[in-house]
Amino acid sequence: MCIGKLFSNAPAGEDGVWPNEAVRDVMENLRSEDISSGAHTGLYNARGAHWRGEGGGQERGLADKYRAWAEALQFTHPFVSSSLLMSMINTYEREVEE
């Protein structure tokens, strides 16, 4: 999990997709749910303290950002796309509903 939290600080790749190529390759090769969970926690906590506005617009925007990245990686890095990025989408979509 600690490695995943570290990975959550990685920059976007040269293609503009997060995480960068080196991190996504390592995560894909290891296929570790613990690393994915740690990265999820790190990404979620990096947002810091925040207040939700009416209608959940901020959360929809975040879900859309992660969705674009998940779609970009779904064929080249399916584990990263499904395990990490889709879990971020699901988290923010649940918050919209609350």
N, C-alpha and C. Protein backbone atom coordinates (compact mmCIF):
# COMPACT_ATOMS: atom_id res chain seq x y z
N MET A 1 0.82 -1.19 0.00
CA MET A 1 0.00 0.00 0.00
C MET A 1 0.86 1.26 0.00
N CYS A 2 1.98 1.21 0.71
CA CYS A 2 2.86 2.38 0.75
C CYS A 2 3.43 2.69 -0.62
N ILE A 3 3.76 1.67 -1.38
CA ILE A 3 4.27 1.89 -2.74
C ILE A 3 3.18 2.55 -3.59
N GLY A 4 1.96 2.10 -3.43
CA GLY A 4 0.85 2.71 -4.16
C GLY A 4 0.67 4.17 -3.80
N LYS A 5 0.78 4.49 -2.50
CA LYS A 5 0.67 5.89 -2.09
C LYS A 5 1.78 6.72 -2.72
N LEU A 6 2.97 6.15 -2.81
CA LEU A 6 4.08 6.83 -3.47
C LEU A 6 3.77 7.03 -4.95
N PHE A 7 3.25 5.99 -5.60
CA PHE A 7 2.90 6.09 -7.02
C PHE A 7 1.83 7.15 -7.28
N SER A 8 0.98 7.41 -6.30
CA SER A 8 -0.09 8.38 -6.51
C SER A 8 0.46 9.79 -6.75
N ASN A 9 1.72 10.02 -6.41
CA ASN A 9 2.35 11.33 -6.63
C ASN A 9 3.03 11.44 -7.98
N ALA A 10 2.94 10.39 -8.79
CA ALA A 10 3.60 10.41 -10.10
C ALA A 10 2.96 11.45 -11.00
N PRO A 11 3.74 12.04 -11.87
CA PRO A 11 3.16 12.97 -12.84
C PRO A 11 2.45 12.22 -13.96
N ALA A 12 1.76 12.94 -14.79
CA ALA A 12 1.15 12.37 -15.98
C ALA A 12 2.26 11.99 -16.96
N GLY A 13 1.93 11.13 -17.89
CA GLY A 13 2.89 10.71 -18.90
C GLY A 13 3.06 11.72 -20.01
N GLU A 14 3.93 11.42 -20.93
CA GLU A 14 4.15 12.30 -22.08
C GLU A 14 2.90 12.43 -22.92
N ASP A 15 2.01 11.45 -22.82
CA ASP A 15 0.76 11.47 -23.57
C ASP A 15 -0.36 12.20 -22.83
N GLY A 16 -0.04 12.77 -21.66
CA GLY A 16 -1.02 13.49 -20.87
C GLY A 16 -1.90 12.61 -20.00
N VAL A 17 -1.65 11.31 -20.02
CA VAL A 17 -2.44 10.35 -19.25
C VAL A 17 -1.71 10.04 -17.95
N TRP A 18 -2.50 10.01 -16.86
CA TRP A 18 -1.93 9.65 -15.56
C TRP A 18 -2.22 8.18 -15.31
N PRO A 19 -1.28 7.45 -14.69
CA PRO A 19 0.08 7.83 -14.30
C PRO A 19 1.04 7.77 -15.49
N ASN A 20 2.24 8.24 -15.25
CA ASN A 20 3.21 8.25 -16.34
C ASN A 20 3.55 6.82 -16.77
N GLU A 21 4.22 6.72 -17.90
CA GLU A 21 4.49 5.43 -18.52
C GLU A 21 5.23 4.46 -17.60
N ALA A 22 6.23 4.93 -16.88
CA ALA A 22 7.00 4.03 -16.02
C ALA A 22 6.13 3.46 -14.89
N VAL A 23 5.35 4.31 -14.25
CA VAL A 23 4.51 3.86 -13.14
C VAL A 23 3.42 2.93 -13.64
N ARG A 24 2.78 3.29 -14.75
CA ARG A 24 1.70 2.41 -15.24
C ARG A 24 2.24 1.07 -15.69
N ASP A 25 3.47 1.04 -16.24
CA ASP A 25 4.07 -0.24 -16.64
C ASP A 25 4.35 -1.13 -15.43
N VAL A 26 4.90 -0.54 -14.37
CA VAL A 26 5.18 -1.31 -13.15
C VAL A 26 3.88 -1.83 -12.54
N MET A 27 2.88 -0.96 -12.43
CA MET A 27 1.60 -1.38 -11.85
C MET A 27 0.96 -2.49 -12.68
N GLU A 28 1.06 -2.38 -13.98
CA GLU A 28 0.46 -3.39 -14.86
C GLU A 28 1.19 -4.72 -14.72
N ASN A 29 2.51 -4.67 -14.64
CA ASN A 29 3.28 -5.91 -14.51
C ASN A 29 3.05 -6.59 -13.17
N LEU A 30 2.94 -5.83 -12.10
CA LEU A 30 2.76 -6.41 -10.77
C LEU A 30 1.32 -6.85 -10.51
N ARG A 31 0.37 -6.11 -11.06
CA ARG A 31 -1.06 -6.40 -10.86
C ARG A 31 -1.40 -6.61 -9.39
N SER A 32 -0.91 -5.72 -8.56
CA SER A 32 -1.12 -5.81 -7.12
C SER A 32 -2.31 -4.97 -6.69
N GLU A 33 -3.30 -5.63 -6.11
CA GLU A 33 -4.46 -4.90 -5.59
C GLU A 33 -4.05 -4.00 -4.43
N ASP A 34 -3.04 -4.42 -3.65
CA ASP A 34 -2.57 -3.58 -2.54
C ASP A 34 -1.96 -2.28 -3.05
N ILE A 35 -1.15 -2.37 -4.10
CA ILE A 35 -0.56 -1.16 -4.67
C ILE A 35 -1.66 -0.28 -5.25
N SER A 36 -2.60 -0.89 -5.94
CA SER A 36 -3.71 -0.13 -6.51
C SER A 36 -4.52 0.56 -5.41
N SER A 37 -4.77 -0.15 -4.32
CA SER A 37 -5.51 0.43 -3.21
C SER A 37 -4.74 1.58 -2.57
N GLY A 38 -3.44 1.42 -2.42
CA GLY A 38 -2.62 2.50 -1.87
C GLY A 38 -2.61 3.72 -2.76
N ALA A 39 -2.56 3.50 -4.09
CA ALA A 39 -2.60 4.63 -5.03
C ALA A 39 -3.96 5.32 -4.97
N HIS A 40 -5.02 4.54 -4.85
CA HIS A 40 -6.36 5.11 -4.72
C HIS A 40 -6.43 6.01 -3.49
N THR A 41 -5.95 5.51 -2.37
CA THR A 41 -5.96 6.29 -1.13
C THR A 41 -5.15 7.57 -1.28
N GLY A 42 -3.96 7.45 -1.86
CA GLY A 42 -3.11 8.62 -2.06
C GLY A 42 -3.75 9.65 -2.96
N LEU A 43 -4.37 9.21 -4.05
CA LEU A 43 -5.04 10.14 -4.97
C LEU A 43 -6.21 10.83 -4.28
N TYR A 44 -7.01 10.05 -3.58
CA TYR A 44 -8.19 10.61 -2.92
C TYR A 44 -7.78 11.61 -1.85
N ASN A 45 -6.78 11.27 -1.05
CA ASN A 45 -6.35 12.15 0.03
C ASN A 45 -5.61 13.39 -0.48
N ALA A 46 -5.04 13.31 -1.67
CA ALA A 46 -4.31 14.46 -2.21
C ALA A 46 -5.24 15.64 -2.48
N ARG A 47 -6.50 15.37 -2.60
CA ARG A 47 -7.47 16.45 -2.82
C ARG A 47 -7.56 17.35 -1.60
N GLY A 48 -7.26 16.82 -0.44
CA GLY A 48 -7.28 17.61 0.78
C GLY A 48 -8.70 17.93 1.22
N ALA A 49 -8.79 18.84 2.17
CA ALA A 49 -10.10 19.26 2.67
C ALA A 49 -10.82 20.04 1.58
N HIS A 50 -12.10 19.76 1.42
CA HIS A 50 -12.88 20.44 0.40
C HIS A 50 -14.34 20.45 0.81
N TRP A 51 -15.07 21.34 0.19
CA TRP A 51 -16.51 21.43 0.40
C TRP A 51 -17.17 21.14 -0.92
N ARG A 52 -18.19 20.34 -0.86
CA ARG A 52 -18.91 20.01 -2.07
C ARG A 52 -19.95 21.07 -2.37
N GLY A 53 -19.97 21.47 -3.62
CA GLY A 53 -20.97 22.43 -4.05
C GLY A 53 -22.28 21.71 -4.37
N GLU A 54 -23.29 22.48 -4.63
CA GLU A 54 -24.58 21.91 -5.00
C GLU A 54 -24.46 21.11 -6.29
N GLY A 55 -25.07 19.95 -6.30
CA GLY A 55 -25.14 19.16 -7.51
C GLY A 55 -23.96 18.26 -7.80
N GLY A 56 -22.87 18.36 -7.05
CA GLY A 56 -21.73 17.46 -7.24
C GLY A 56 -20.92 17.71 -8.49
N GLY A 57 -20.89 18.94 -8.97
CA GLY A 57 -20.15 19.26 -10.19
C GLY A 57 -18.67 18.95 -10.10
N GLN A 58 -18.06 19.24 -8.95
CA GLN A 58 -16.63 18.97 -8.78
C GLN A 58 -16.35 17.47 -8.91
N GLU A 59 -17.19 16.67 -8.27
CA GLU A 59 -16.99 15.23 -8.29
C GLU A 59 -17.23 14.66 -9.69
N ARG A 60 -18.21 15.20 -10.40
CA ARG A 60 -18.44 14.76 -11.79
C ARG A 60 -17.23 15.08 -12.66
N GLY A 61 -16.65 16.25 -12.44
CA GLY A 61 -15.45 16.63 -13.19
C GLY A 61 -14.28 15.70 -12.93
N LEU A 62 -14.10 15.34 -11.66
CA LEU A 62 -13.03 14.41 -11.32
C LEU A 62 -13.29 13.03 -11.91
N ALA A 63 -14.53 12.56 -11.83
CA ALA A 63 -14.87 11.26 -12.41
C ALA A 63 -14.61 11.28 -13.92
N ASP A 64 -14.94 12.37 -14.58
CA ASP A 64 -14.71 12.48 -16.02
C ASP A 64 -13.22 12.46 -16.35
N LYS A 65 -12.41 13.12 -15.52
CA LYS A 65 -10.96 13.12 -15.74
C LYS A 65 -10.41 11.70 -15.64
N TYR A 66 -10.80 10.98 -14.59
CA TYR A 66 -10.32 9.61 -14.43
C TYR A 66 -10.89 8.69 -15.51
N ARG A 67 -12.11 8.95 -15.96
CA ARG A 67 -12.72 8.15 -17.03
C ARG A 67 -11.92 8.29 -18.33
N ALA A 68 -11.52 9.50 -18.65
CA ALA A 68 -10.73 9.73 -19.87
C ALA A 68 -9.41 8.96 -19.80
N TRP A 69 -8.78 8.99 -18.64
CA TRP A 69 -7.52 8.25 -18.48
C TRP A 69 -7.76 6.74 -18.55
N ALA A 70 -8.83 6.27 -17.91
CA ALA A 70 -9.15 4.83 -17.93
C ALA A 70 -9.40 4.36 -19.37
N GLU A 71 -10.12 5.15 -20.13
CA GLU A 71 -10.40 4.79 -21.52
C GLU A 71 -9.11 4.78 -22.34
N ALA A 72 -8.22 5.71 -22.07
CA ALA A 72 -6.96 5.78 -22.81
C ALA A 72 -6.07 4.57 -22.54
N LEU A 73 -6.20 3.98 -21.34
CA LEU A 73 -5.33 2.87 -20.96
C LEU A 73 -6.02 1.51 -21.00
N GLN A 74 -7.28 1.45 -21.37
CA GLN A 74 -8.02 0.19 -21.24
C GLN A 74 -7.44 -0.97 -22.04
N PHE A 75 -6.77 -0.70 -23.15
CA PHE A 75 -6.21 -1.78 -23.96
C PHE A 75 -4.74 -2.02 -23.68
N THR A 76 -3.99 -0.96 -23.39
CA THR A 76 -2.56 -1.11 -23.15
C THR A 76 -2.24 -1.48 -21.71
N HIS A 77 -3.04 -1.00 -20.77
CA HIS A 77 -2.82 -1.23 -19.34
C HIS A 77 -4.16 -1.54 -18.67
N PRO A 78 -4.76 -2.68 -18.98
CA PRO A 78 -6.11 -2.98 -18.49
C PRO A 78 -6.21 -3.07 -16.97
N PHE A 79 -5.17 -3.54 -16.29
CA PHE A 79 -5.23 -3.61 -14.83
C PHE A 79 -5.29 -2.21 -14.23
N VAL A 80 -4.43 -1.32 -14.68
CA VAL A 80 -4.42 0.05 -14.17
C VAL A 80 -5.76 0.71 -14.46
N SER A 81 -6.26 0.50 -15.65
CA SER A 81 -7.54 1.10 -16.04
C SER A 81 -8.68 0.58 -15.16
N SER A 82 -8.77 -0.73 -15.01
CA SER A 82 -9.92 -1.29 -14.30
C SER A 82 -9.77 -1.25 -12.78
N SER A 83 -8.59 -1.53 -12.29
CA SER A 83 -8.42 -1.62 -10.83
C SER A 83 -8.30 -0.26 -10.17
N LEU A 84 -7.51 0.61 -10.73
CA LEU A 84 -7.26 1.90 -10.08
C LEU A 84 -8.17 3.01 -10.62
N LEU A 85 -8.12 3.24 -11.89
CA LEU A 85 -8.83 4.39 -12.44
C LEU A 85 -10.35 4.22 -12.35
N MET A 86 -10.83 3.02 -12.60
CA MET A 86 -12.28 2.79 -12.47
C MET A 86 -12.72 2.91 -11.01
N SER A 87 -11.86 2.52 -10.08
CA SER A 87 -12.24 2.67 -8.67
C SER A 87 -12.32 4.15 -8.28
N MET A 88 -11.47 4.99 -8.88
CA MET A 88 -11.56 6.42 -8.62
C MET A 88 -12.87 6.98 -9.20
N ILE A 89 -13.23 6.54 -10.40
CA ILE A 89 -14.49 6.96 -11.01
C ILE A 89 -15.66 6.58 -10.11
N ASN A 90 -15.66 5.33 -9.66
CA ASN A 90 -16.76 4.85 -8.80
C ASN A 90 -16.84 5.64 -7.50
N THR A 91 -15.70 5.97 -6.92
CA THR A 91 -15.67 6.74 -5.68
C THR A 91 -16.34 8.10 -5.88
N TYR A 92 -15.93 8.81 -6.92
CA TYR A 92 -16.48 10.15 -7.13
C TYR A 92 -17.93 10.10 -7.59
N GLU A 93 -18.31 9.09 -8.34
CA GLU A 93 -19.73 8.98 -8.74
C GLU A 93 -20.61 8.67 -7.52
N ARG A 94 -20.11 7.90 -6.58
CA ARG A 94 -20.86 7.66 -5.34
C ARG A 94 -21.03 8.95 -4.57
N GLU A 95 -20.01 9.78 -4.54
CA GLU A 95 -20.10 11.04 -3.81
C GLU A 95 -21.10 11.99 -4.46
N VAL A 96 -21.27 11.93 -5.76
CA VAL A 96 -22.26 12.76 -6.43
C VAL A 96 -23.66 12.39 -5.93
N GLU A 97 -23.88 11.09 -5.71
CA GLU A 97 -25.18 10.61 -5.31
C GLU A 97 -25.52 10.92 -3.85
N GLU A 98 -24.50 11.17 -3.04
CA GLU A 98 -24.73 11.41 -1.61
C GLU A 98 -25.28 12.79 -1.33
